[in-house]
Amino acid sequence: MHGSGPESTQSQEKTALEEVTAVDNMEVTGLYVNDSYIDDESDQLKLVYLFYTVKATDKNLKAFSKSTDMKIGENVYTSEHNPGARSYASSFYYSDFIEDVYVGSELKVLETFEVPVGDLEIGKEITLHNDRTPGIDNLKLSTDSIVHLDSAEAIAQNADPEGYASEMQKHEPADAETTARVQSAINGYYWKYAPALGTSITMYKTEFFSPNTFETTTSGITSAGTYEVETGYIKLINDSNGFVIEVPYSWDDDGNINLDLATAYGVHEG
């Protein structure tokens, strides 16, 4: 039966999905889709970003970025760590490692899910489940509230403007003192990174030379180029094609440099 006039309006109101975005131990602060994301196996999959805050109100909790099941309609998707997803949202914890959230404290967390475009149509209910966050099953979300944007950068600008601004600062050219310190710490040394099992690449090896050149070897193929030091990244520029890879770096308490090759060589948006 097809309604019209006031009856039709009333029917639409009844079918609207009522959302619950916060419970005692968790608040969802953003749900986004990166429409530019291209999956290696299927162009039907898009990357969904779930931003939330874990709140340890009465007992210690644990959180990490591979802990949640997202049910959309009748289908369930499990979060997976995509190293390129957090590149610009630095305020949010995004890691395979479990982080403790102690009583009275909070932790901002990001999880990502590969979801077929057909399940992102409006009008579908979204529920969440994990065993580490009490009350999460009481959250009720909707595909109506998903924000579609065209890049990981645009998502970070919306979901984490302060973290995005901080991340952009890390891409500024380093001063002479910082540049010299980084060069002294990396030239003459190499770092290795092994991707997860099941990928076609078994190992990346990146070696640095004075004053500012590098070589990366993977699957028996070596590429070379120059590098530039930024305030939080080492920018690798391939001589043959101009391709750029940015390697995050930090310093430990003993003054040793740490290079995050997992993020640099991880899976990024297409």
C-alpha atoms as a PDB file:
ATOM      1  CA  MET A   1       0.000   0.000   0.000  1.00  0.00           C
ATOM      2  CA  HIS A   2       1.308   3.423  -0.963  1.00  0.00           C
ATOM      3  CA  GLY A   3       0.597   6.339   1.353  1.00  0.00           C
ATOM      4  CA  SER A   4       0.453  10.029   0.580  1.00  0.00           C
ATOM      5  CA  GLY A   5       0.400  13.354   2.423  1.00  0.00           C
ATOM      6  CA  PRO A   6       0.633  13.243   6.232  1.00  0.00           C
ATOM      7  CA  GLU A   7       0.484   9.447   6.377  1.00  0.00           C
ATOM      8  CA  SER A   8       3.564   9.184   4.159  1.00  0.00           C
ATOM      9  CA  THR A   9       5.496  11.628   6.368  1.00  0.00           C
ATOM     10  CA  GLN A  10       4.551   9.678   9.480  1.00  0.00           C
ATOM     11  CA  SER A  11       5.697   6.450   7.866  1.00  0.00           C
ATOM     12  CA  GLN A  12       9.091   7.960   7.017  1.00  0.00           C
ATOM     13  CA  GLU A  13       9.542   9.129  10.592  1.00  0.00           C
ATOM     14  CA  LYS A  14       8.854   5.637  11.908  1.00  0.00           C
ATOM     15  CA  THR A  15      11.464   4.077   9.657  1.00  0.00           C
ATOM     16  CA  ALA A  16      14.205   6.551  10.599  1.00  0.00           C
ATOM     17  CA  LEU A  17      16.977   4.797  12.540  1.00  0.00           C
ATOM     18  CA  GLU A  18      17.481   6.128  16.057  1.00  0.00           C
ATOM     19  CA  GLU A  19      21.190   6.200  16.882  1.00  0.00           C
ATOM     20  CA  VAL A  20      22.973   5.606  20.184  1.00  0.00           C
ATOM     21  CA  THR A  21      26.534   6.902  19.870  1.00  0.00           C
ATOM     22  CA  ALA A  22      27.705   6.751  23.496  1.00  0.00           C
ATOM     23  CA  VAL A  23      27.668   4.338  26.433  1.00  0.00           C
ATOM     24  CA  ASP A  24      29.527   4.485  29.749  1.00  0.00           C
ATOM     25  CA  ASN A  25      32.806   3.101  28.389  1.00  0.00           C
ATOM     26  CA  MET A  26      32.779   4.246  24.771  1.00  0.00           C
ATOM     27  CA  GLU A  27      31.739   7.173  22.601  1.00  0.00           C
ATOM     28  CA  VAL A  28      31.761   7.086  18.799  1.00  0.00           C
ATOM     29  CA  THR A  29      33.005  10.423  17.474  1.00  0.00           C
ATOM     30  CA  GLY A  30      33.120   9.776  13.745  1.00  0.00           C
ATOM     31  CA  LEU A  31      32.280   7.310  10.998  1.00  0.00           C
ATOM     32  CA  TYR A  32      33.863   7.945   7.598  1.00  0.00           C
ATOM     33  CA  VAL A  33      34.474   6.287   4.251  1.00  0.00           C
ATOM     34  CA  ASN A  34      37.511   6.946   2.110  1.00  0.00           C
ATOM     35  CA  ASP A  35      36.008   6.882  -1.380  1.00  0.00           C
ATOM     36  CA  SER A  36      39.464   7.003  -3.011  1.00  0.00           C
ATOM     37  CA  TYR A  37      40.557   3.760  -1.370  1.00  0.00           C
ATOM     38  CA  ILE A  38      41.431   1.018  -3.862  1.00  0.00           C
ATOM     39  CA  ASP A  39      41.733  -2.530  -2.576  1.00  0.00           C
ATOM     40  CA  ASP A  40      44.288  -4.847  -4.149  1.00  0.00           C
ATOM     41  CA  GLU A  41      41.734  -7.613  -4.626  1.00  0.00           C
ATOM     42  CA  SER A  42      38.404  -5.888  -5.335  1.00  0.00           C
ATOM     43  CA  ASP A  43      37.278  -2.449  -6.429  1.00  0.00           C
ATOM     44  CA  GLN A  44      34.024  -3.090  -4.528  1.00  0.00           C
ATOM     45  CA  LEU A  45      35.719  -2.661  -1.138  1.00  0.00           C
ATOM     46  CA  LYS A  46      36.036   0.734   0.556  1.00  0.00           C
ATOM     47  CA  LEU A  47      37.843   1.654   3.762  1.00  0.00           C
ATOM     48  CA  VAL A  48      35.549   2.620   6.642  1.00  0.00           C
ATOM     49  CA  TYR A  49      37.072   4.633   9.507  1.00  0.00           C
ATOM     50  CA  LEU A  50      35.575   4.296  13.008  1.00  0.00           C
ATOM     51  CA  PHE A  51      36.797   6.987  15.442  1.00  0.00           C
ATOM     52  CA  TYR A  52      35.892   6.543  19.093  1.00  0.00           C
ATOM     53  CA  THR A  53      36.976   7.213  22.661  1.00  0.00           C
ATOM     54  CA  VAL A  54      37.416   4.431  25.211  1.00  0.00           C
ATOM     55  CA  LYS A  55      36.551   5.578  28.742  1.00  0.00           C
ATOM     56  CA  ALA A  56      37.728   3.468  31.679  1.00  0.00           C
ATOM     57  CA  THR A  57      35.005   4.629  34.068  1.00  0.00           C
ATOM     58  CA  ASP A  58      35.119   1.873  36.686  1.00  0.00           C
ATOM     59  CA  LYS A  59      37.777  -0.666  35.706  1.00  0.00           C
ATOM     60  CA  ASN A  60      40.932  -0.963  33.617  1.00  0.00           C
ATOM     61  CA  LEU A  61      40.327  -1.656  29.923  1.00  0.00           C
ATOM     62  CA  LYS A  62      42.405  -2.682  26.936  1.00  0.00           C
ATOM     63  CA  ALA A  63      42.164  -1.351  23.400  1.00  0.00           C
ATOM     64  CA  PHE A  64      43.793  -1.814  20.009  1.00  0.00           C
ATOM     65  CA  SER A  65      42.906  -1.395  16.365  1.00  0.00           C
ATOM     66  CA  LYS A  66      41.994  -4.981  15.514  1.00  0.00           C
ATOM     67  CA  SER A  67      39.398  -5.673  18.180  1.00  0.00           C
ATOM     68  CA  THR A  68      35.936  -4.882  16.841  1.00  0.00           C
ATOM     69  CA  ASP A  69      33.296  -6.542  14.686  1.00  0.00           C
ATOM     70  CA  MET A  70      31.018  -4.192  12.749  1.00  0.00           C
ATOM     71  CA  LYS A  71      27.653  -5.598  11.711  1.00  0.00           C
ATOM     72  CA  ILE A  72      25.850  -3.842   8.865  1.00  0.00           C
ATOM     73  CA  GLY A  73      22.489  -5.380   8.120  1.00  0.00           C
ATOM     74  CA  GLU A  74      23.195  -9.120   8.110  1.00  0.00           C
ATOM     75  CA  ASN A  75      26.918  -8.911   7.328  1.00  0.00           C
ATOM     76  CA  VAL A  76      29.791  -8.739   9.813  1.00  0.00           C
ATOM     77  CA  TYR A  77      33.178  -7.126   9.133  1.00  0.00           C
ATOM     78  CA  THR A  78      36.220  -7.357  11.402  1.00  0.00           C
ATOM     79  CA  SER A  79      38.593  -4.422  11.784  1.00  0.00           C
ATOM     80  CA  GLU A  80      42.016  -4.728  10.170  1.00  0.00           C
ATOM     81  CA  HIS A  81      45.079  -2.548  10.591  1.00  0.00           C
ATOM     82  CA  ASN A  82      45.838  -0.576   7.438  1.00  0.00           C
ATOM     83  CA  PRO A  83      49.173   1.242   8.029  1.00  0.00           C
ATOM     84  CA  GLY A  84      48.328   4.120   5.703  1.00  0.00           C
ATOM     85  CA  ALA A  85      45.045   4.989   7.399  1.00  0.00           C
ATOM     86  CA  ARG A  86      46.375   6.852  10.431  1.00  0.00           C
ATOM     87  CA  SER A  87      48.955   8.928   8.574  1.00  0.00           C
ATOM     88  CA  TYR A  88      47.182  12.218   9.294  1.00  0.00           C
ATOM     89  CA  ALA A  89      45.075  11.514  12.428  1.00  0.00           C
ATOM     90  CA  SER A  90      47.832  11.523  15.012  1.00  0.00           C
ATOM     91  CA  SER A  91      45.593  12.080  18.069  1.00  0.00           C
ATOM     92  CA  PHE A  92      44.095   8.599  17.694  1.00  0.00           C
ATOM     93  CA  TYR A  93      45.712   5.337  18.741  1.00  0.00           C
ATOM     94  CA  TYR A  94      46.047   3.073  15.702  1.00  0.00           C
ATOM     95  CA  SER A  95      48.141  -0.024  16.277  1.00  0.00           C
ATOM     96  CA  ASP A  96      48.220  -3.815  16.293  1.00  0.00           C
ATOM     97  CA  PHE A  97      49.530  -3.676  19.868  1.00  0.00           C
ATOM     98  CA  ILE A  98      47.216  -3.724  22.886  1.00  0.00           C
ATOM     99  CA  GLU A  99      47.157  -0.513  24.939  1.00  0.00           C
ATOM    100  CA  ASP A 100      46.069  -0.324  28.585  1.00  0.00           C
ATOM    101  CA  VAL A 101      43.416   2.234  29.502  1.00  0.00           C
ATOM    102  CA  TYR A 102      43.465   2.684  33.270  1.00  0.00           C
ATOM    103  CA  VAL A 103      40.557   3.698  35.522  1.00  0.00           C
ATOM    104  CA  GLY A 104      39.808   7.403  35.215  1.00  0.00           C
ATOM    105  CA  SER A 105      41.549   7.797  31.859  1.00  0.00           C
ATOM    106  CA  GLU A 106      40.492   7.866  28.221  1.00  0.00           C
ATOM    107  CA  LEU A 107      42.040   6.803  24.914  1.00  0.00           C
ATOM    108  CA  LYS A 108      41.095   7.949  21.435  1.00  0.00           C
ATOM    109  CA  VAL A 109      41.123   4.954  19.084  1.00  0.00           C
ATOM    110  CA  LEU A 110      40.791   4.460  15.334  1.00  0.00           C
ATOM    111  CA  GLU A 111      39.751   1.199  13.688  1.00  0.00           C
ATOM    112  CA  THR A 112      39.309   0.539   9.978  1.00  0.00           C
ATOM    113  CA  PHE A 113      37.154  -1.947   8.094  1.00  0.00           C
ATOM    114  CA  GLU A 114      36.993  -3.026   4.472  1.00  0.00           C
ATOM    115  CA  VAL A 115      33.305  -2.952   3.530  1.00  0.00           C
ATOM    116  CA  PRO A 116      31.635  -3.525   0.137  1.00  0.00           C
ATOM    117  CA  VAL A 117      30.030  -0.417  -1.324  1.00  0.00           C
ATOM    118  CA  GLY A 118      26.687  -2.231  -1.393  1.00  0.00           C
ATOM    119  CA  ASP A 119      26.592  -2.304   2.406  1.00  0.00           C
ATOM    120  CA  LEU A 120      27.256   1.435   2.662  1.00  0.00           C
ATOM    121  CA  GLU A 121      23.917   2.469   1.216  1.00  0.00           C
ATOM    122  CA  ILE A 122      21.773   4.680   3.450  1.00  0.00           C
ATOM    123  CA  GLY A 123      19.144   3.217   5.754  1.00  0.00           C
ATOM    124  CA  LYS A 124      21.126   0.342   7.255  1.00  0.00           C
ATOM    125  CA  GLU A 125      21.703  -0.174  10.969  1.00  0.00           C
ATOM    126  CA  ILE A 126      25.252  -0.636  12.273  1.00  0.00           C
ATOM    127  CA  THR A 127      26.101  -2.402  15.524  1.00  0.00           C
ATOM    128  CA  LEU A 128      29.496  -3.090  17.100  1.00  0.00           C
ATOM    129  CA  HIS A 129      30.945  -5.842  19.244  1.00  0.00           C
ATOM    130  CA  ASN A 130      34.204  -6.590  21.022  1.00  0.00           C
ATOM    131  CA  ASP A 131      34.984  -8.383  24.265  1.00  0.00           C
ATOM    132  CA  ARG A 132      37.144  -5.599  25.730  1.00  0.00           C
ATOM    133  CA  THR A 133      34.650  -2.733  25.950  1.00  0.00           C
ATOM    134  CA  PRO A 134      31.610  -3.235  28.214  1.00  0.00           C
ATOM    135  CA  GLY A 135      28.373  -1.894  26.772  1.00  0.00           C
ATOM    136  CA  ILE A 136      29.582  -1.580  23.188  1.00  0.00           C
ATOM    137  CA  ASP A 137      26.756  -3.845  22.014  1.00  0.00           C
ATOM    138  CA  ASN A 138      24.270  -1.158  23.082  1.00  0.00           C
ATOM    139  CA  LEU A 139      25.579   1.319  20.521  1.00  0.00           C
ATOM    140  CA  LYS A 140      23.334   1.821  17.504  1.00  0.00           C
ATOM    141  CA  LEU A 141      24.762   3.546  14.448  1.00  0.00           C
ATOM    142  CA  SER A 142      23.482   4.049  10.927  1.00  0.00           C
ATOM    143  CA  THR A 143      24.903   4.204   7.435  1.00  0.00           C
ATOM    144  CA  ASP A 144      22.988   7.506   7.178  1.00  0.00           C
ATOM    145  CA  SER A 145      25.630   9.177   9.376  1.00  0.00           C
ATOM    146  CA  ILE A 146      28.661   7.962   7.416  1.00  0.00           C
ATOM    147  CA  VAL A 147      30.650  10.870   5.992  1.00  0.00           C
ATOM    148  CA  HIS A 148      32.070  10.176   2.531  1.00  0.00           C
ATOM    149  CA  LEU A 149      35.366  11.923   1.713  1.00  0.00           C
ATOM    150  CA  ASP A 150      37.967  11.441  -0.995  1.00  0.00           C
ATOM    151  CA  SER A 151      41.188  10.882   0.968  1.00  0.00           C
ATOM    152  CA  ALA A 152      42.703   9.868   4.299  1.00  0.00           C
ATOM    153  CA  GLU A 153      43.905  13.455   4.620  1.00  0.00           C
ATOM    154  CA  ALA A 154      40.397  14.899   4.270  1.00  0.00           C
ATOM    155  CA  ILE A 155      39.073  12.431   6.836  1.00  0.00           C
ATOM    156  CA  ALA A 156      41.748  13.444   9.359  1.00  0.00           C
ATOM    157  CA  GLN A 157      40.989  17.138   8.814  1.00  0.00           C
ATOM    158  CA  ASN A 158      37.374  16.462   9.775  1.00  0.00           C
ATOM    159  CA  ALA A 159      37.796  13.856  12.512  1.00  0.00           C
ATOM    160  CA  ASP A 160      41.032  15.075  14.113  1.00  0.00           C
ATOM    161  CA  PRO A 161      41.858  18.689  13.188  1.00  0.00           C
ATOM    162  CA  GLU A 162      44.409  19.123  15.998  1.00  0.00           C
ATOM    163  CA  GLY A 163      46.152  15.854  15.186  1.00  0.00           C
ATOM    164  CA  TYR A 164      46.104  16.731  11.501  1.00  0.00           C
ATOM    165  CA  ALA A 165      47.769  20.104  12.174  1.00  0.00           C
ATOM    166  CA  SER A 166      50.421  18.397  14.305  1.00  0.00           C
ATOM    167  CA  GLU A 167      51.049  15.825  11.582  1.00  0.00           C
ATOM    168  CA  MET A 168      51.438  18.494   8.925  1.00  0.00           C
ATOM    169  CA  GLN A 169      54.085  20.186  11.061  1.00  0.00           C
ATOM    170  CA  LYS A 170      56.106  16.958  10.981  1.00  0.00           C
ATOM    171  CA  HIS A 171      56.335  17.281   7.191  1.00  0.00           C
ATOM    172  CA  GLU A 172      58.048  20.676   7.372  1.00  0.00           C
ATOM    173  CA  PRO A 173      61.757  20.756   6.394  1.00  0.00           C
ATOM    174  CA  ALA A 174      63.982  20.161   9.410  1.00  0.00           C
ATOM    175  CA  ASP A 175      66.441  22.803  10.568  1.00  0.00           C
ATOM    176  CA  ALA A 176      70.179  22.350  10.047  1.00  0.00           C
ATOM    177  CA  GLU A 177      70.776  20.957  13.555  1.00  0.00           C
ATOM    178  CA  THR A 178      68.045  18.313  13.262  1.00  0.00           C
ATOM    179  CA  THR A 179      69.136  17.378   9.746  1.00  0.00           C
ATOM    180  CA  ALA A 180      72.722  16.829  10.891  1.00  0.00           C
ATOM    181  CA  ARG A 181      71.560  14.758  13.879  1.00  0.00           C
ATOM    182  CA  VAL A 182      69.405  12.494  11.705  1.00  0.00           C
ATOM    183  CA  GLN A 183      72.111  12.071   9.076  1.00  0.00           C
ATOM    184  CA  SER A 184      74.624  11.135  11.762  1.00  0.00           C
ATOM    185  CA  ALA A 185      72.207   8.552  13.165  1.00  0.00           C
ATOM    186  CA  ILE A 186      71.281   6.811   9.889  1.00  0.00           C
ATOM    187  CA  ASN A 187      74.187   7.123   7.445  1.00  0.00           C
ATOM    188  CA  GLY A 188      76.168   3.888   7.287  1.00  0.00           C
ATOM    189  CA  TYR A 189      73.302   1.832   8.747  1.00  0.00           C
ATOM    190  CA  TYR A 190      70.400  -0.191   7.389  1.00  0.00           C
ATOM    191  CA  TRP A 191      66.906  -1.118   8.591  1.00  0.00           C
ATOM    192  CA  LYS A 192      64.765  -4.125   7.659  1.00  0.00           C
ATOM    193  CA  TYR A 193      61.006  -4.565   7.623  1.00  0.00           C
ATOM    194  CA  ALA A 194      59.088  -7.799   6.990  1.00  0.00           C
ATOM    195  CA  PRO A 195      55.404  -7.364   5.998  1.00  0.00           C
ATOM    196  CA  ALA A 196      52.719  -9.668   7.355  1.00  0.00           C
ATOM    197  CA  LEU A 197      52.510 -13.228   6.092  1.00  0.00           C
ATOM    198  CA  GLY A 198      50.513 -13.688   2.927  1.00  0.00           C
ATOM    199  CA  THR A 199      51.924 -10.703   1.053  1.00  0.00           C
ATOM    200  CA  SER A 200      54.076 -11.023  -2.065  1.00  0.00           C
ATOM    201  CA  ILE A 201      56.892  -8.998  -0.465  1.00  0.00           C
ATOM    202  CA  THR A 202      58.998 -10.865   2.092  1.00  0.00           C
ATOM    203  CA  MET A 203      61.427  -8.138   3.194  1.00  0.00           C
ATOM    204  CA  TYR A 204      62.353  -4.491   2.708  1.00  0.00           C
ATOM    205  CA  LYS A 205      65.920  -3.415   3.425  1.00  0.00           C
ATOM    206  CA  THR A 206      66.721   0.300   3.372  1.00  0.00           C
ATOM    207  CA  GLU A 207      70.315   1.495   3.757  1.00  0.00           C
ATOM    208  CA  PHE A 208      71.541   5.095   4.079  1.00  0.00           C
ATOM    209  CA  PHE A 209      74.772   6.656   2.865  1.00  0.00           C
ATOM    210  CA  SER A 210      76.552   9.982   3.345  1.00  0.00           C
ATOM    211  CA  PRO A 211      75.567  12.663   2.766  1.00  0.00           C
ATOM    212  CA  ASN A 212      71.906  11.965   1.864  1.00  0.00           C
ATOM    213  CA  THR A 213      71.433   8.939  -0.398  1.00  0.00           C
ATOM    214  CA  PHE A 214      69.673   5.612   0.146  1.00  0.00           C
ATOM    215  CA  GLU A 215      69.083   2.194  -1.380  1.00  0.00           C
ATOM    216  CA  THR A 216      66.036   0.001  -0.842  1.00  0.00           C
ATOM    217  CA  THR A 217      66.094  -3.673  -1.784  1.00  0.00           C
ATOM    218  CA  THR A 218      63.034  -5.896  -1.965  1.00  0.00           C
ATOM    219  CA  SER A 219      62.431  -9.149  -3.866  1.00  0.00           C
ATOM    220  CA  GLY A 220      65.930  -8.860  -5.327  1.00  0.00           C
ATOM    221  CA  ILE A 221      65.261  -5.431  -6.874  1.00  0.00           C
ATOM    222  CA  THR A 222      67.193  -2.388  -5.667  1.00  0.00           C
ATOM    223  CA  SER A 223      66.020   1.205  -6.015  1.00  0.00           C
ATOM    224  CA  ALA A 224      68.115   4.215  -5.082  1.00  0.00           C
ATOM    225  CA  GLY A 225      67.756   7.921  -4.593  1.00  0.00           C
ATOM    226  CA  THR A 226      68.251  10.835  -2.259  1.00  0.00           C
ATOM    227  CA  TYR A 227      66.596  11.660   1.030  1.00  0.00           C
ATOM    228  CA  GLU A 228      65.480  14.846   2.743  1.00  0.00           C
ATOM    229  CA  VAL A 229      65.034  15.285   6.497  1.00  0.00           C
ATOM    230  CA  GLU A 230      61.736  16.701   7.750  1.00  0.00           C
ATOM    231  CA  THR A 231      60.833  17.430  11.365  1.00  0.00           C
ATOM    232  CA  GLY A 232      59.161  14.028  11.761  1.00  0.00           C
ATOM    233  CA  TYR A 233      59.856  12.139   8.547  1.00  0.00           C
ATOM    234  CA  ILE A 234      62.707  11.091   6.276  1.00  0.00           C
ATOM    235  CA  LYS A 235      61.538  11.662   2.709  1.00  0.00           C
ATOM    236  CA  LEU A 236      62.931   9.082   0.267  1.00  0.00           C
ATOM    237  CA  ILE A 237      62.910  10.269  -3.361  1.00  0.00           C
ATOM    238  CA  ASN A 238      63.476   7.582  -6.001  1.00  0.00           C
ATOM    239  CA  ASP A 239      65.964   8.690  -8.683  1.00  0.00           C
ATOM    240  CA  SER A 240      64.361   6.728 -11.523  1.00  0.00           C
ATOM    241  CA  ASN A 241      60.722   7.781 -11.206  1.00  0.00           C
ATOM    242  CA  GLY A 242      60.515  10.489  -8.536  1.00  0.00           C
ATOM    243  CA  PHE A 243      58.328   8.277  -6.334  1.00  0.00           C
ATOM    244  CA  VAL A 244      58.305   9.452  -2.699  1.00  0.00           C
ATOM    245  CA  ILE A 245      58.102   7.367   0.464  1.00  0.00           C
ATOM    246  CA  GLU A 246      58.100   9.113   3.836  1.00  0.00           C
ATOM    247  CA  VAL A 247      59.537   7.186   6.781  1.00  0.00           C
ATOM    248  CA  PRO A 248      58.394   8.382  10.248  1.00  0.00           C
ATOM    249  CA  TYR A 249      61.207   8.699  12.788  1.00  0.00           C
ATOM    250  CA  SER A 250      61.442   9.358  16.511  1.00  0.00           C
ATOM    251  CA  TRP A 251      64.043   9.341  19.284  1.00  0.00           C
ATOM    252  CA  ASP A 252      64.049   7.026  22.299  1.00  0.00           C
ATOM    253  CA  ASP A 253      65.064   8.013  25.837  1.00  0.00           C
ATOM    254  CA  ASP A 254      68.699   7.102  25.118  1.00  0.00           C
ATOM    255  CA  GLY A 255      68.861   9.359  22.064  1.00  0.00           C
ATOM    256  CA  ASN A 256      68.718   6.531  19.523  1.00  0.00           C
ATOM    257  CA  ILE A 257      66.690   6.993  16.355  1.00  0.00           C
ATOM    258  CA  ASN A 258      63.712   4.748  15.547  1.00  0.00           C
ATOM    259  CA  LEU A 259      62.483   4.372  11.961  1.00  0.00           C
ATOM    260  CA  ASP A 260      58.893   3.210  11.406  1.00  0.00           C
ATOM    261  CA  LEU A 261      59.279   1.194   8.209  1.00  0.00           C
ATOM    262  CA  ALA A 262      55.988  -0.607   8.849  1.00  0.00           C
ATOM    263  CA  THR A 263      54.092   2.626   8.245  1.00  0.00           C
ATOM    264  CA  ALA A 264      56.346   3.722   5.377  1.00  0.00           C
ATOM    265  CA  TYR A 265      56.011   0.458   3.430  1.00  0.00           C
ATOM    266  CA  GLY A 266      52.523  -0.499   4.554  1.00  0.00           C
ATOM    267  CA  VAL A 267      49.330  -0.601   2.492  1.00  0.00           C
ATOM    268  CA  HIS A 268      48.194   2.910   1.518  1.00  0.00           C
ATOM    269  CA  GLU A 269      45.197   4.303  -0.222  1.00  0.00           C
ATOM    270  CA  GLY A 270      45.142   4.149  -3.990  1.00  0.00           C
END
